[in-house]
Amino acid sequence: MNRKIEILYTPHFLRMYGKLDNELCSDIKDKINKFTNRESHISLKVHKLKNLNNTYSFSVNYKIIIVFEYGKTKNVVHLLYVGDHGTIY
């Protein structure tokens, strides 16, 4: 059975999200919704981050990414960061 992923938002993620413009926020909501379906992970370019332990990311657009970590199971995800790809590394 392929259950949808439960999304949990960290306070840091919500603060960062709140500083973004409405159009980008709309794109982010769409990508998060898409991310809840595992079949979309290839198109979102979900991958493990090399320099940060137990963290993964997926693309919102060519510049913006969302960083996350799995909870106790891979059906629960904690969103940690949203922003420019270059500032993560």
N, C-alpha and C. Protein backbone atom coordinates (compact mmCIF):
# COMPACT_ATOMS: atom_id res chain seq x y z
N MET A 1 0.85 -1.19 0.00
CA MET A 1 0.00 0.00 0.00
C MET A 1 0.89 1.24 0.00
N ASN A 2 0.60 2.18 -0.86
CA ASN A 2 1.38 3.40 -1.00
C ASN A 2 0.67 4.56 -0.30
N ARG A 3 0.95 4.74 1.00
CA ARG A 3 0.29 5.79 1.77
C ARG A 3 0.88 7.15 1.45
N LYS A 4 0.04 8.16 1.56
CA LYS A 4 0.52 9.53 1.38
C LYS A 4 1.44 9.91 2.52
N ILE A 5 2.36 10.79 2.24
CA ILE A 5 3.31 11.27 3.24
C ILE A 5 2.65 12.36 4.07
N GLU A 6 2.83 12.28 5.39
CA GLU A 6 2.34 13.32 6.29
C GLU A 6 3.42 14.40 6.40
N ILE A 7 3.04 15.65 6.21
CA ILE A 7 3.97 16.77 6.23
C ILE A 7 3.84 17.51 7.57
N LEU A 8 4.97 17.72 8.23
CA LEU A 8 5.04 18.52 9.45
C LEU A 8 5.97 19.70 9.18
N TYR A 9 5.55 20.87 9.61
CA TYR A 9 6.30 22.11 9.34
C TYR A 9 7.03 22.56 10.59
N THR A 10 8.36 22.73 10.49
CA THR A 10 9.11 23.26 11.63
C THR A 10 8.89 24.76 11.71
N PRO A 11 9.05 25.35 12.91
CA PRO A 11 8.91 26.81 13.03
C PRO A 11 9.88 27.57 12.11
N HIS A 12 11.09 27.05 11.95
CA HIS A 12 12.06 27.71 11.07
C HIS A 12 11.56 27.74 9.62
N PHE A 13 11.03 26.61 9.16
CA PHE A 13 10.48 26.55 7.81
C PHE A 13 9.35 27.58 7.65
N LEU A 14 8.45 27.64 8.61
CA LEU A 14 7.31 28.56 8.52
C LEU A 14 7.76 30.01 8.52
N ARG A 15 8.80 30.35 9.30
CA ARG A 15 9.32 31.73 9.27
C ARG A 15 9.89 32.07 7.90
N MET A 16 10.64 31.15 7.33
CA MET A 16 11.23 31.39 6.01
C MET A 16 10.13 31.51 4.95
N TYR A 17 9.17 30.63 5.01
CA TYR A 17 8.05 30.62 4.06
C TYR A 17 7.29 31.95 4.14
N GLY A 18 7.10 32.45 5.35
CA GLY A 18 6.34 33.69 5.54
C GLY A 18 7.00 34.92 4.94
N LYS A 19 8.27 34.85 4.64
CA LYS A 19 9.00 35.98 4.06
C LYS A 19 8.99 35.99 2.53
N LEU A 20 8.42 34.96 1.93
CA LEU A 20 8.44 34.82 0.47
C LEU A 20 7.22 35.48 -0.16
N ASP A 21 7.35 35.82 -1.44
CA ASP A 21 6.22 36.46 -2.13
C ASP A 21 5.12 35.44 -2.44
N ASN A 22 3.92 35.96 -2.67
CA ASN A 22 2.73 35.11 -2.84
C ASN A 22 2.84 34.12 -3.99
N GLU A 23 3.42 34.54 -5.11
CA GLU A 23 3.53 33.64 -6.26
C GLU A 23 4.43 32.45 -5.93
N LEU A 24 5.56 32.72 -5.29
CA LEU A 24 6.47 31.65 -4.90
C LEU A 24 5.81 30.74 -3.86
N CYS A 25 5.09 31.32 -2.91
CA CYS A 25 4.37 30.52 -1.91
C CYS A 25 3.37 29.58 -2.57
N SER A 26 2.71 30.04 -3.60
CA SER A 26 1.76 29.20 -4.33
C SER A 26 2.49 28.03 -4.99
N ASP A 27 3.65 28.31 -5.60
CA ASP A 27 4.44 27.24 -6.22
C ASP A 27 4.91 26.24 -5.16
N ILE A 28 5.31 26.73 -4.00
CA ILE A 28 5.78 25.86 -2.92
C ILE A 28 4.65 24.95 -2.45
N LYS A 29 3.46 25.51 -2.25
CA LYS A 29 2.31 24.70 -1.84
C LYS A 29 2.03 23.59 -2.85
N ASP A 30 2.10 23.93 -4.14
CA ASP A 30 1.87 22.94 -5.18
C ASP A 30 2.90 21.81 -5.12
N LYS A 31 4.17 22.18 -4.93
CA LYS A 31 5.23 21.17 -4.88
C LYS A 31 5.12 20.30 -3.64
N ILE A 32 4.77 20.89 -2.50
CA ILE A 32 4.59 20.10 -1.27
C ILE A 32 3.45 19.12 -1.46
N ASN A 33 2.37 19.57 -2.05
CA ASN A 33 1.23 18.69 -2.31
C ASN A 33 1.66 17.54 -3.23
N LYS A 34 2.41 17.86 -4.26
CA LYS A 34 2.91 16.84 -5.18
C LYS A 34 3.85 15.86 -4.45
N PHE A 35 4.67 16.39 -3.54
CA PHE A 35 5.64 15.58 -2.80
C PHE A 35 4.97 14.52 -1.93
N THR A 36 3.75 14.75 -1.48
CA THR A 36 3.06 13.77 -0.63
C THR A 36 2.78 12.46 -1.36
N ASN A 37 2.89 12.47 -2.67
CA ASN A 37 2.72 11.26 -3.47
C ASN A 37 4.11 10.78 -3.91
N ARG A 38 4.55 9.65 -3.40
CA ARG A 38 5.89 9.13 -3.70
C ARG A 38 6.18 9.00 -5.19
N GLU A 39 5.17 8.77 -5.99
CA GLU A 39 5.37 8.62 -7.43
C GLU A 39 5.90 9.89 -8.07
N SER A 40 5.76 11.04 -7.39
CA SER A 40 6.24 12.32 -7.92
C SER A 40 7.68 12.63 -7.55
N HIS A 41 8.30 11.81 -6.72
CA HIS A 41 9.63 12.14 -6.20
C HIS A 41 10.70 12.24 -7.29
N ILE A 42 10.60 11.47 -8.33
CA ILE A 42 11.58 11.57 -9.42
C ILE A 42 11.47 12.93 -10.11
N SER A 43 10.27 13.36 -10.42
CA SER A 43 10.10 14.64 -11.11
C SER A 43 10.48 15.82 -10.22
N LEU A 44 10.40 15.65 -8.89
CA LEU A 44 10.78 16.72 -7.96
C LEU A 44 12.28 16.69 -7.64
N LYS A 45 12.98 15.68 -8.16
CA LYS A 45 14.43 15.52 -7.93
C LYS A 45 14.76 15.35 -6.45
N VAL A 46 13.99 14.53 -5.75
CA VAL A 46 14.25 14.24 -4.34
C VAL A 46 15.59 13.53 -4.24
N HIS A 47 16.45 14.03 -3.34
CA HIS A 47 17.76 13.40 -3.15
C HIS A 47 18.32 13.70 -1.77
N LYS A 48 19.21 12.83 -1.32
CA LYS A 48 19.88 13.00 -0.03
C LYS A 48 20.95 14.07 -0.19
N LEU A 49 21.07 14.93 0.83
CA LEU A 49 22.10 15.96 0.81
C LEU A 49 23.39 15.37 1.38
N LYS A 50 24.48 15.59 0.70
CA LYS A 50 25.76 15.00 1.08
C LYS A 50 26.36 15.63 2.33
N ASN A 51 26.24 16.93 2.47
CA ASN A 51 26.93 17.63 3.55
C ASN A 51 26.13 17.76 4.84
N LEU A 52 24.88 17.35 4.83
CA LEU A 52 24.02 17.47 6.01
C LEU A 52 23.46 16.10 6.36
N ASN A 53 23.74 15.64 7.57
CA ASN A 53 23.31 14.30 7.99
C ASN A 53 21.80 14.14 7.98
N ASN A 54 21.36 13.03 7.41
CA ASN A 54 19.96 12.62 7.43
C ASN A 54 19.00 13.65 6.85
N THR A 55 19.47 14.47 5.94
CA THR A 55 18.59 15.46 5.31
C THR A 55 18.51 15.19 3.81
N TYR A 56 17.38 15.60 3.26
CA TYR A 56 17.07 15.40 1.85
C TYR A 56 16.50 16.70 1.32
N SER A 57 16.39 16.81 0.01
CA SER A 57 15.77 18.00 -0.55
C SER A 57 15.00 17.65 -1.81
N PHE A 58 14.14 18.59 -2.21
CA PHE A 58 13.48 18.51 -3.51
C PHE A 58 13.34 19.91 -4.07
N SER A 59 13.19 20.00 -5.37
CA SER A 59 13.17 21.27 -6.06
C SER A 59 11.78 21.88 -6.13
N VAL A 60 11.73 23.19 -5.93
CA VAL A 60 10.51 23.95 -6.19
C VAL A 60 10.60 24.51 -7.60
N ASN A 61 11.76 25.08 -7.92
CA ASN A 61 12.06 25.58 -9.27
C ASN A 61 13.56 25.51 -9.46
N TYR A 62 14.09 26.18 -10.47
CA TYR A 62 15.52 26.07 -10.76
C TYR A 62 16.39 26.65 -9.65
N LYS A 63 15.83 27.48 -8.79
CA LYS A 63 16.61 28.17 -7.76
C LYS A 63 16.24 27.78 -6.33
N ILE A 64 14.99 27.48 -6.08
CA ILE A 64 14.48 27.26 -4.72
C ILE A 64 14.33 25.77 -4.43
N ILE A 65 14.78 25.36 -3.23
CA ILE A 65 14.62 23.98 -2.78
C ILE A 65 13.95 23.94 -1.41
N ILE A 66 13.45 22.78 -1.08
CA ILE A 66 12.92 22.50 0.25
C ILE A 66 13.77 21.39 0.84
N VAL A 67 14.26 21.61 2.06
CA VAL A 67 15.06 20.61 2.76
C VAL A 67 14.18 19.97 3.83
N PHE A 68 14.32 18.65 3.95
CA PHE A 68 13.48 17.92 4.90
C PHE A 68 14.24 16.76 5.51
N GLU A 69 13.66 16.21 6.55
CA GLU A 69 14.15 14.96 7.13
C GLU A 69 12.95 14.08 7.41
N TYR A 70 13.19 12.78 7.38
CA TYR A 70 12.12 11.83 7.68
C TYR A 70 11.93 11.74 9.18
N GLY A 71 10.70 11.48 9.59
CA GLY A 71 10.39 11.24 10.99
C GLY A 71 10.74 9.81 11.35
N LYS A 72 10.00 9.24 12.28
CA LYS A 72 10.26 7.86 12.72
C LYS A 72 10.06 6.86 11.59
N THR A 73 9.20 7.21 10.63
CA THR A 73 9.00 6.38 9.44
C THR A 73 9.13 7.28 8.22
N LYS A 74 9.21 6.67 7.06
CA LYS A 74 9.32 7.45 5.83
C LYS A 74 7.97 7.99 5.37
N ASN A 75 6.93 7.76 6.18
CA ASN A 75 5.61 8.31 5.88
C ASN A 75 5.39 9.65 6.58
N VAL A 76 6.37 10.09 7.38
CA VAL A 76 6.31 11.37 8.07
C VAL A 76 7.54 12.17 7.69
N VAL A 77 7.33 13.42 7.27
CA VAL A 77 8.43 14.29 6.85
C VAL A 77 8.35 15.61 7.60
N HIS A 78 9.49 16.08 8.07
CA HIS A 78 9.60 17.38 8.73
C HIS A 78 10.27 18.33 7.74
N LEU A 79 9.56 19.38 7.33
CA LEU A 79 10.15 20.38 6.43
C LEU A 79 10.99 21.32 7.28
N LEU A 80 12.26 21.49 6.89
CA LEU A 80 13.22 22.24 7.68
C LEU A 80 13.55 23.61 7.11
N TYR A 81 13.60 23.73 5.78
CA TYR A 81 14.16 24.91 5.14
C TYR A 81 13.53 25.09 3.78
N VAL A 82 13.29 26.32 3.40
CA VAL A 82 12.89 26.62 2.04
C VAL A 82 13.66 27.86 1.62
N GLY A 83 14.33 27.77 0.50
CA GLY A 83 15.08 28.93 0.04
C GLY A 83 16.02 28.60 -1.10
N ASP A 84 16.93 29.53 -1.31
CA ASP A 84 17.89 29.45 -2.40
C ASP A 84 18.81 28.24 -2.24
N HIS A 85 18.96 27.51 -3.31
CA HIS A 85 19.81 26.31 -3.32
C HIS A 85 21.23 26.64 -2.86
N GLY A 86 21.77 27.76 -3.26
CA GLY A 86 23.15 28.12 -2.95
C GLY A 86 23.42 28.37 -1.49
N THR A 87 22.43 28.76 -0.72
CA THR A 87 22.66 29.06 0.69
C THR A 87 22.66 27.82 1.56
N ILE A 88 22.22 26.70 1.04
CA ILE A 88 22.21 25.45 1.80
C ILE A 88 23.62 24.91 1.96
N TYR A 89 24.42 25.03 0.94
CA TYR A 89 25.77 24.47 0.97
C TYR A 89 26.70 25.53 1.41
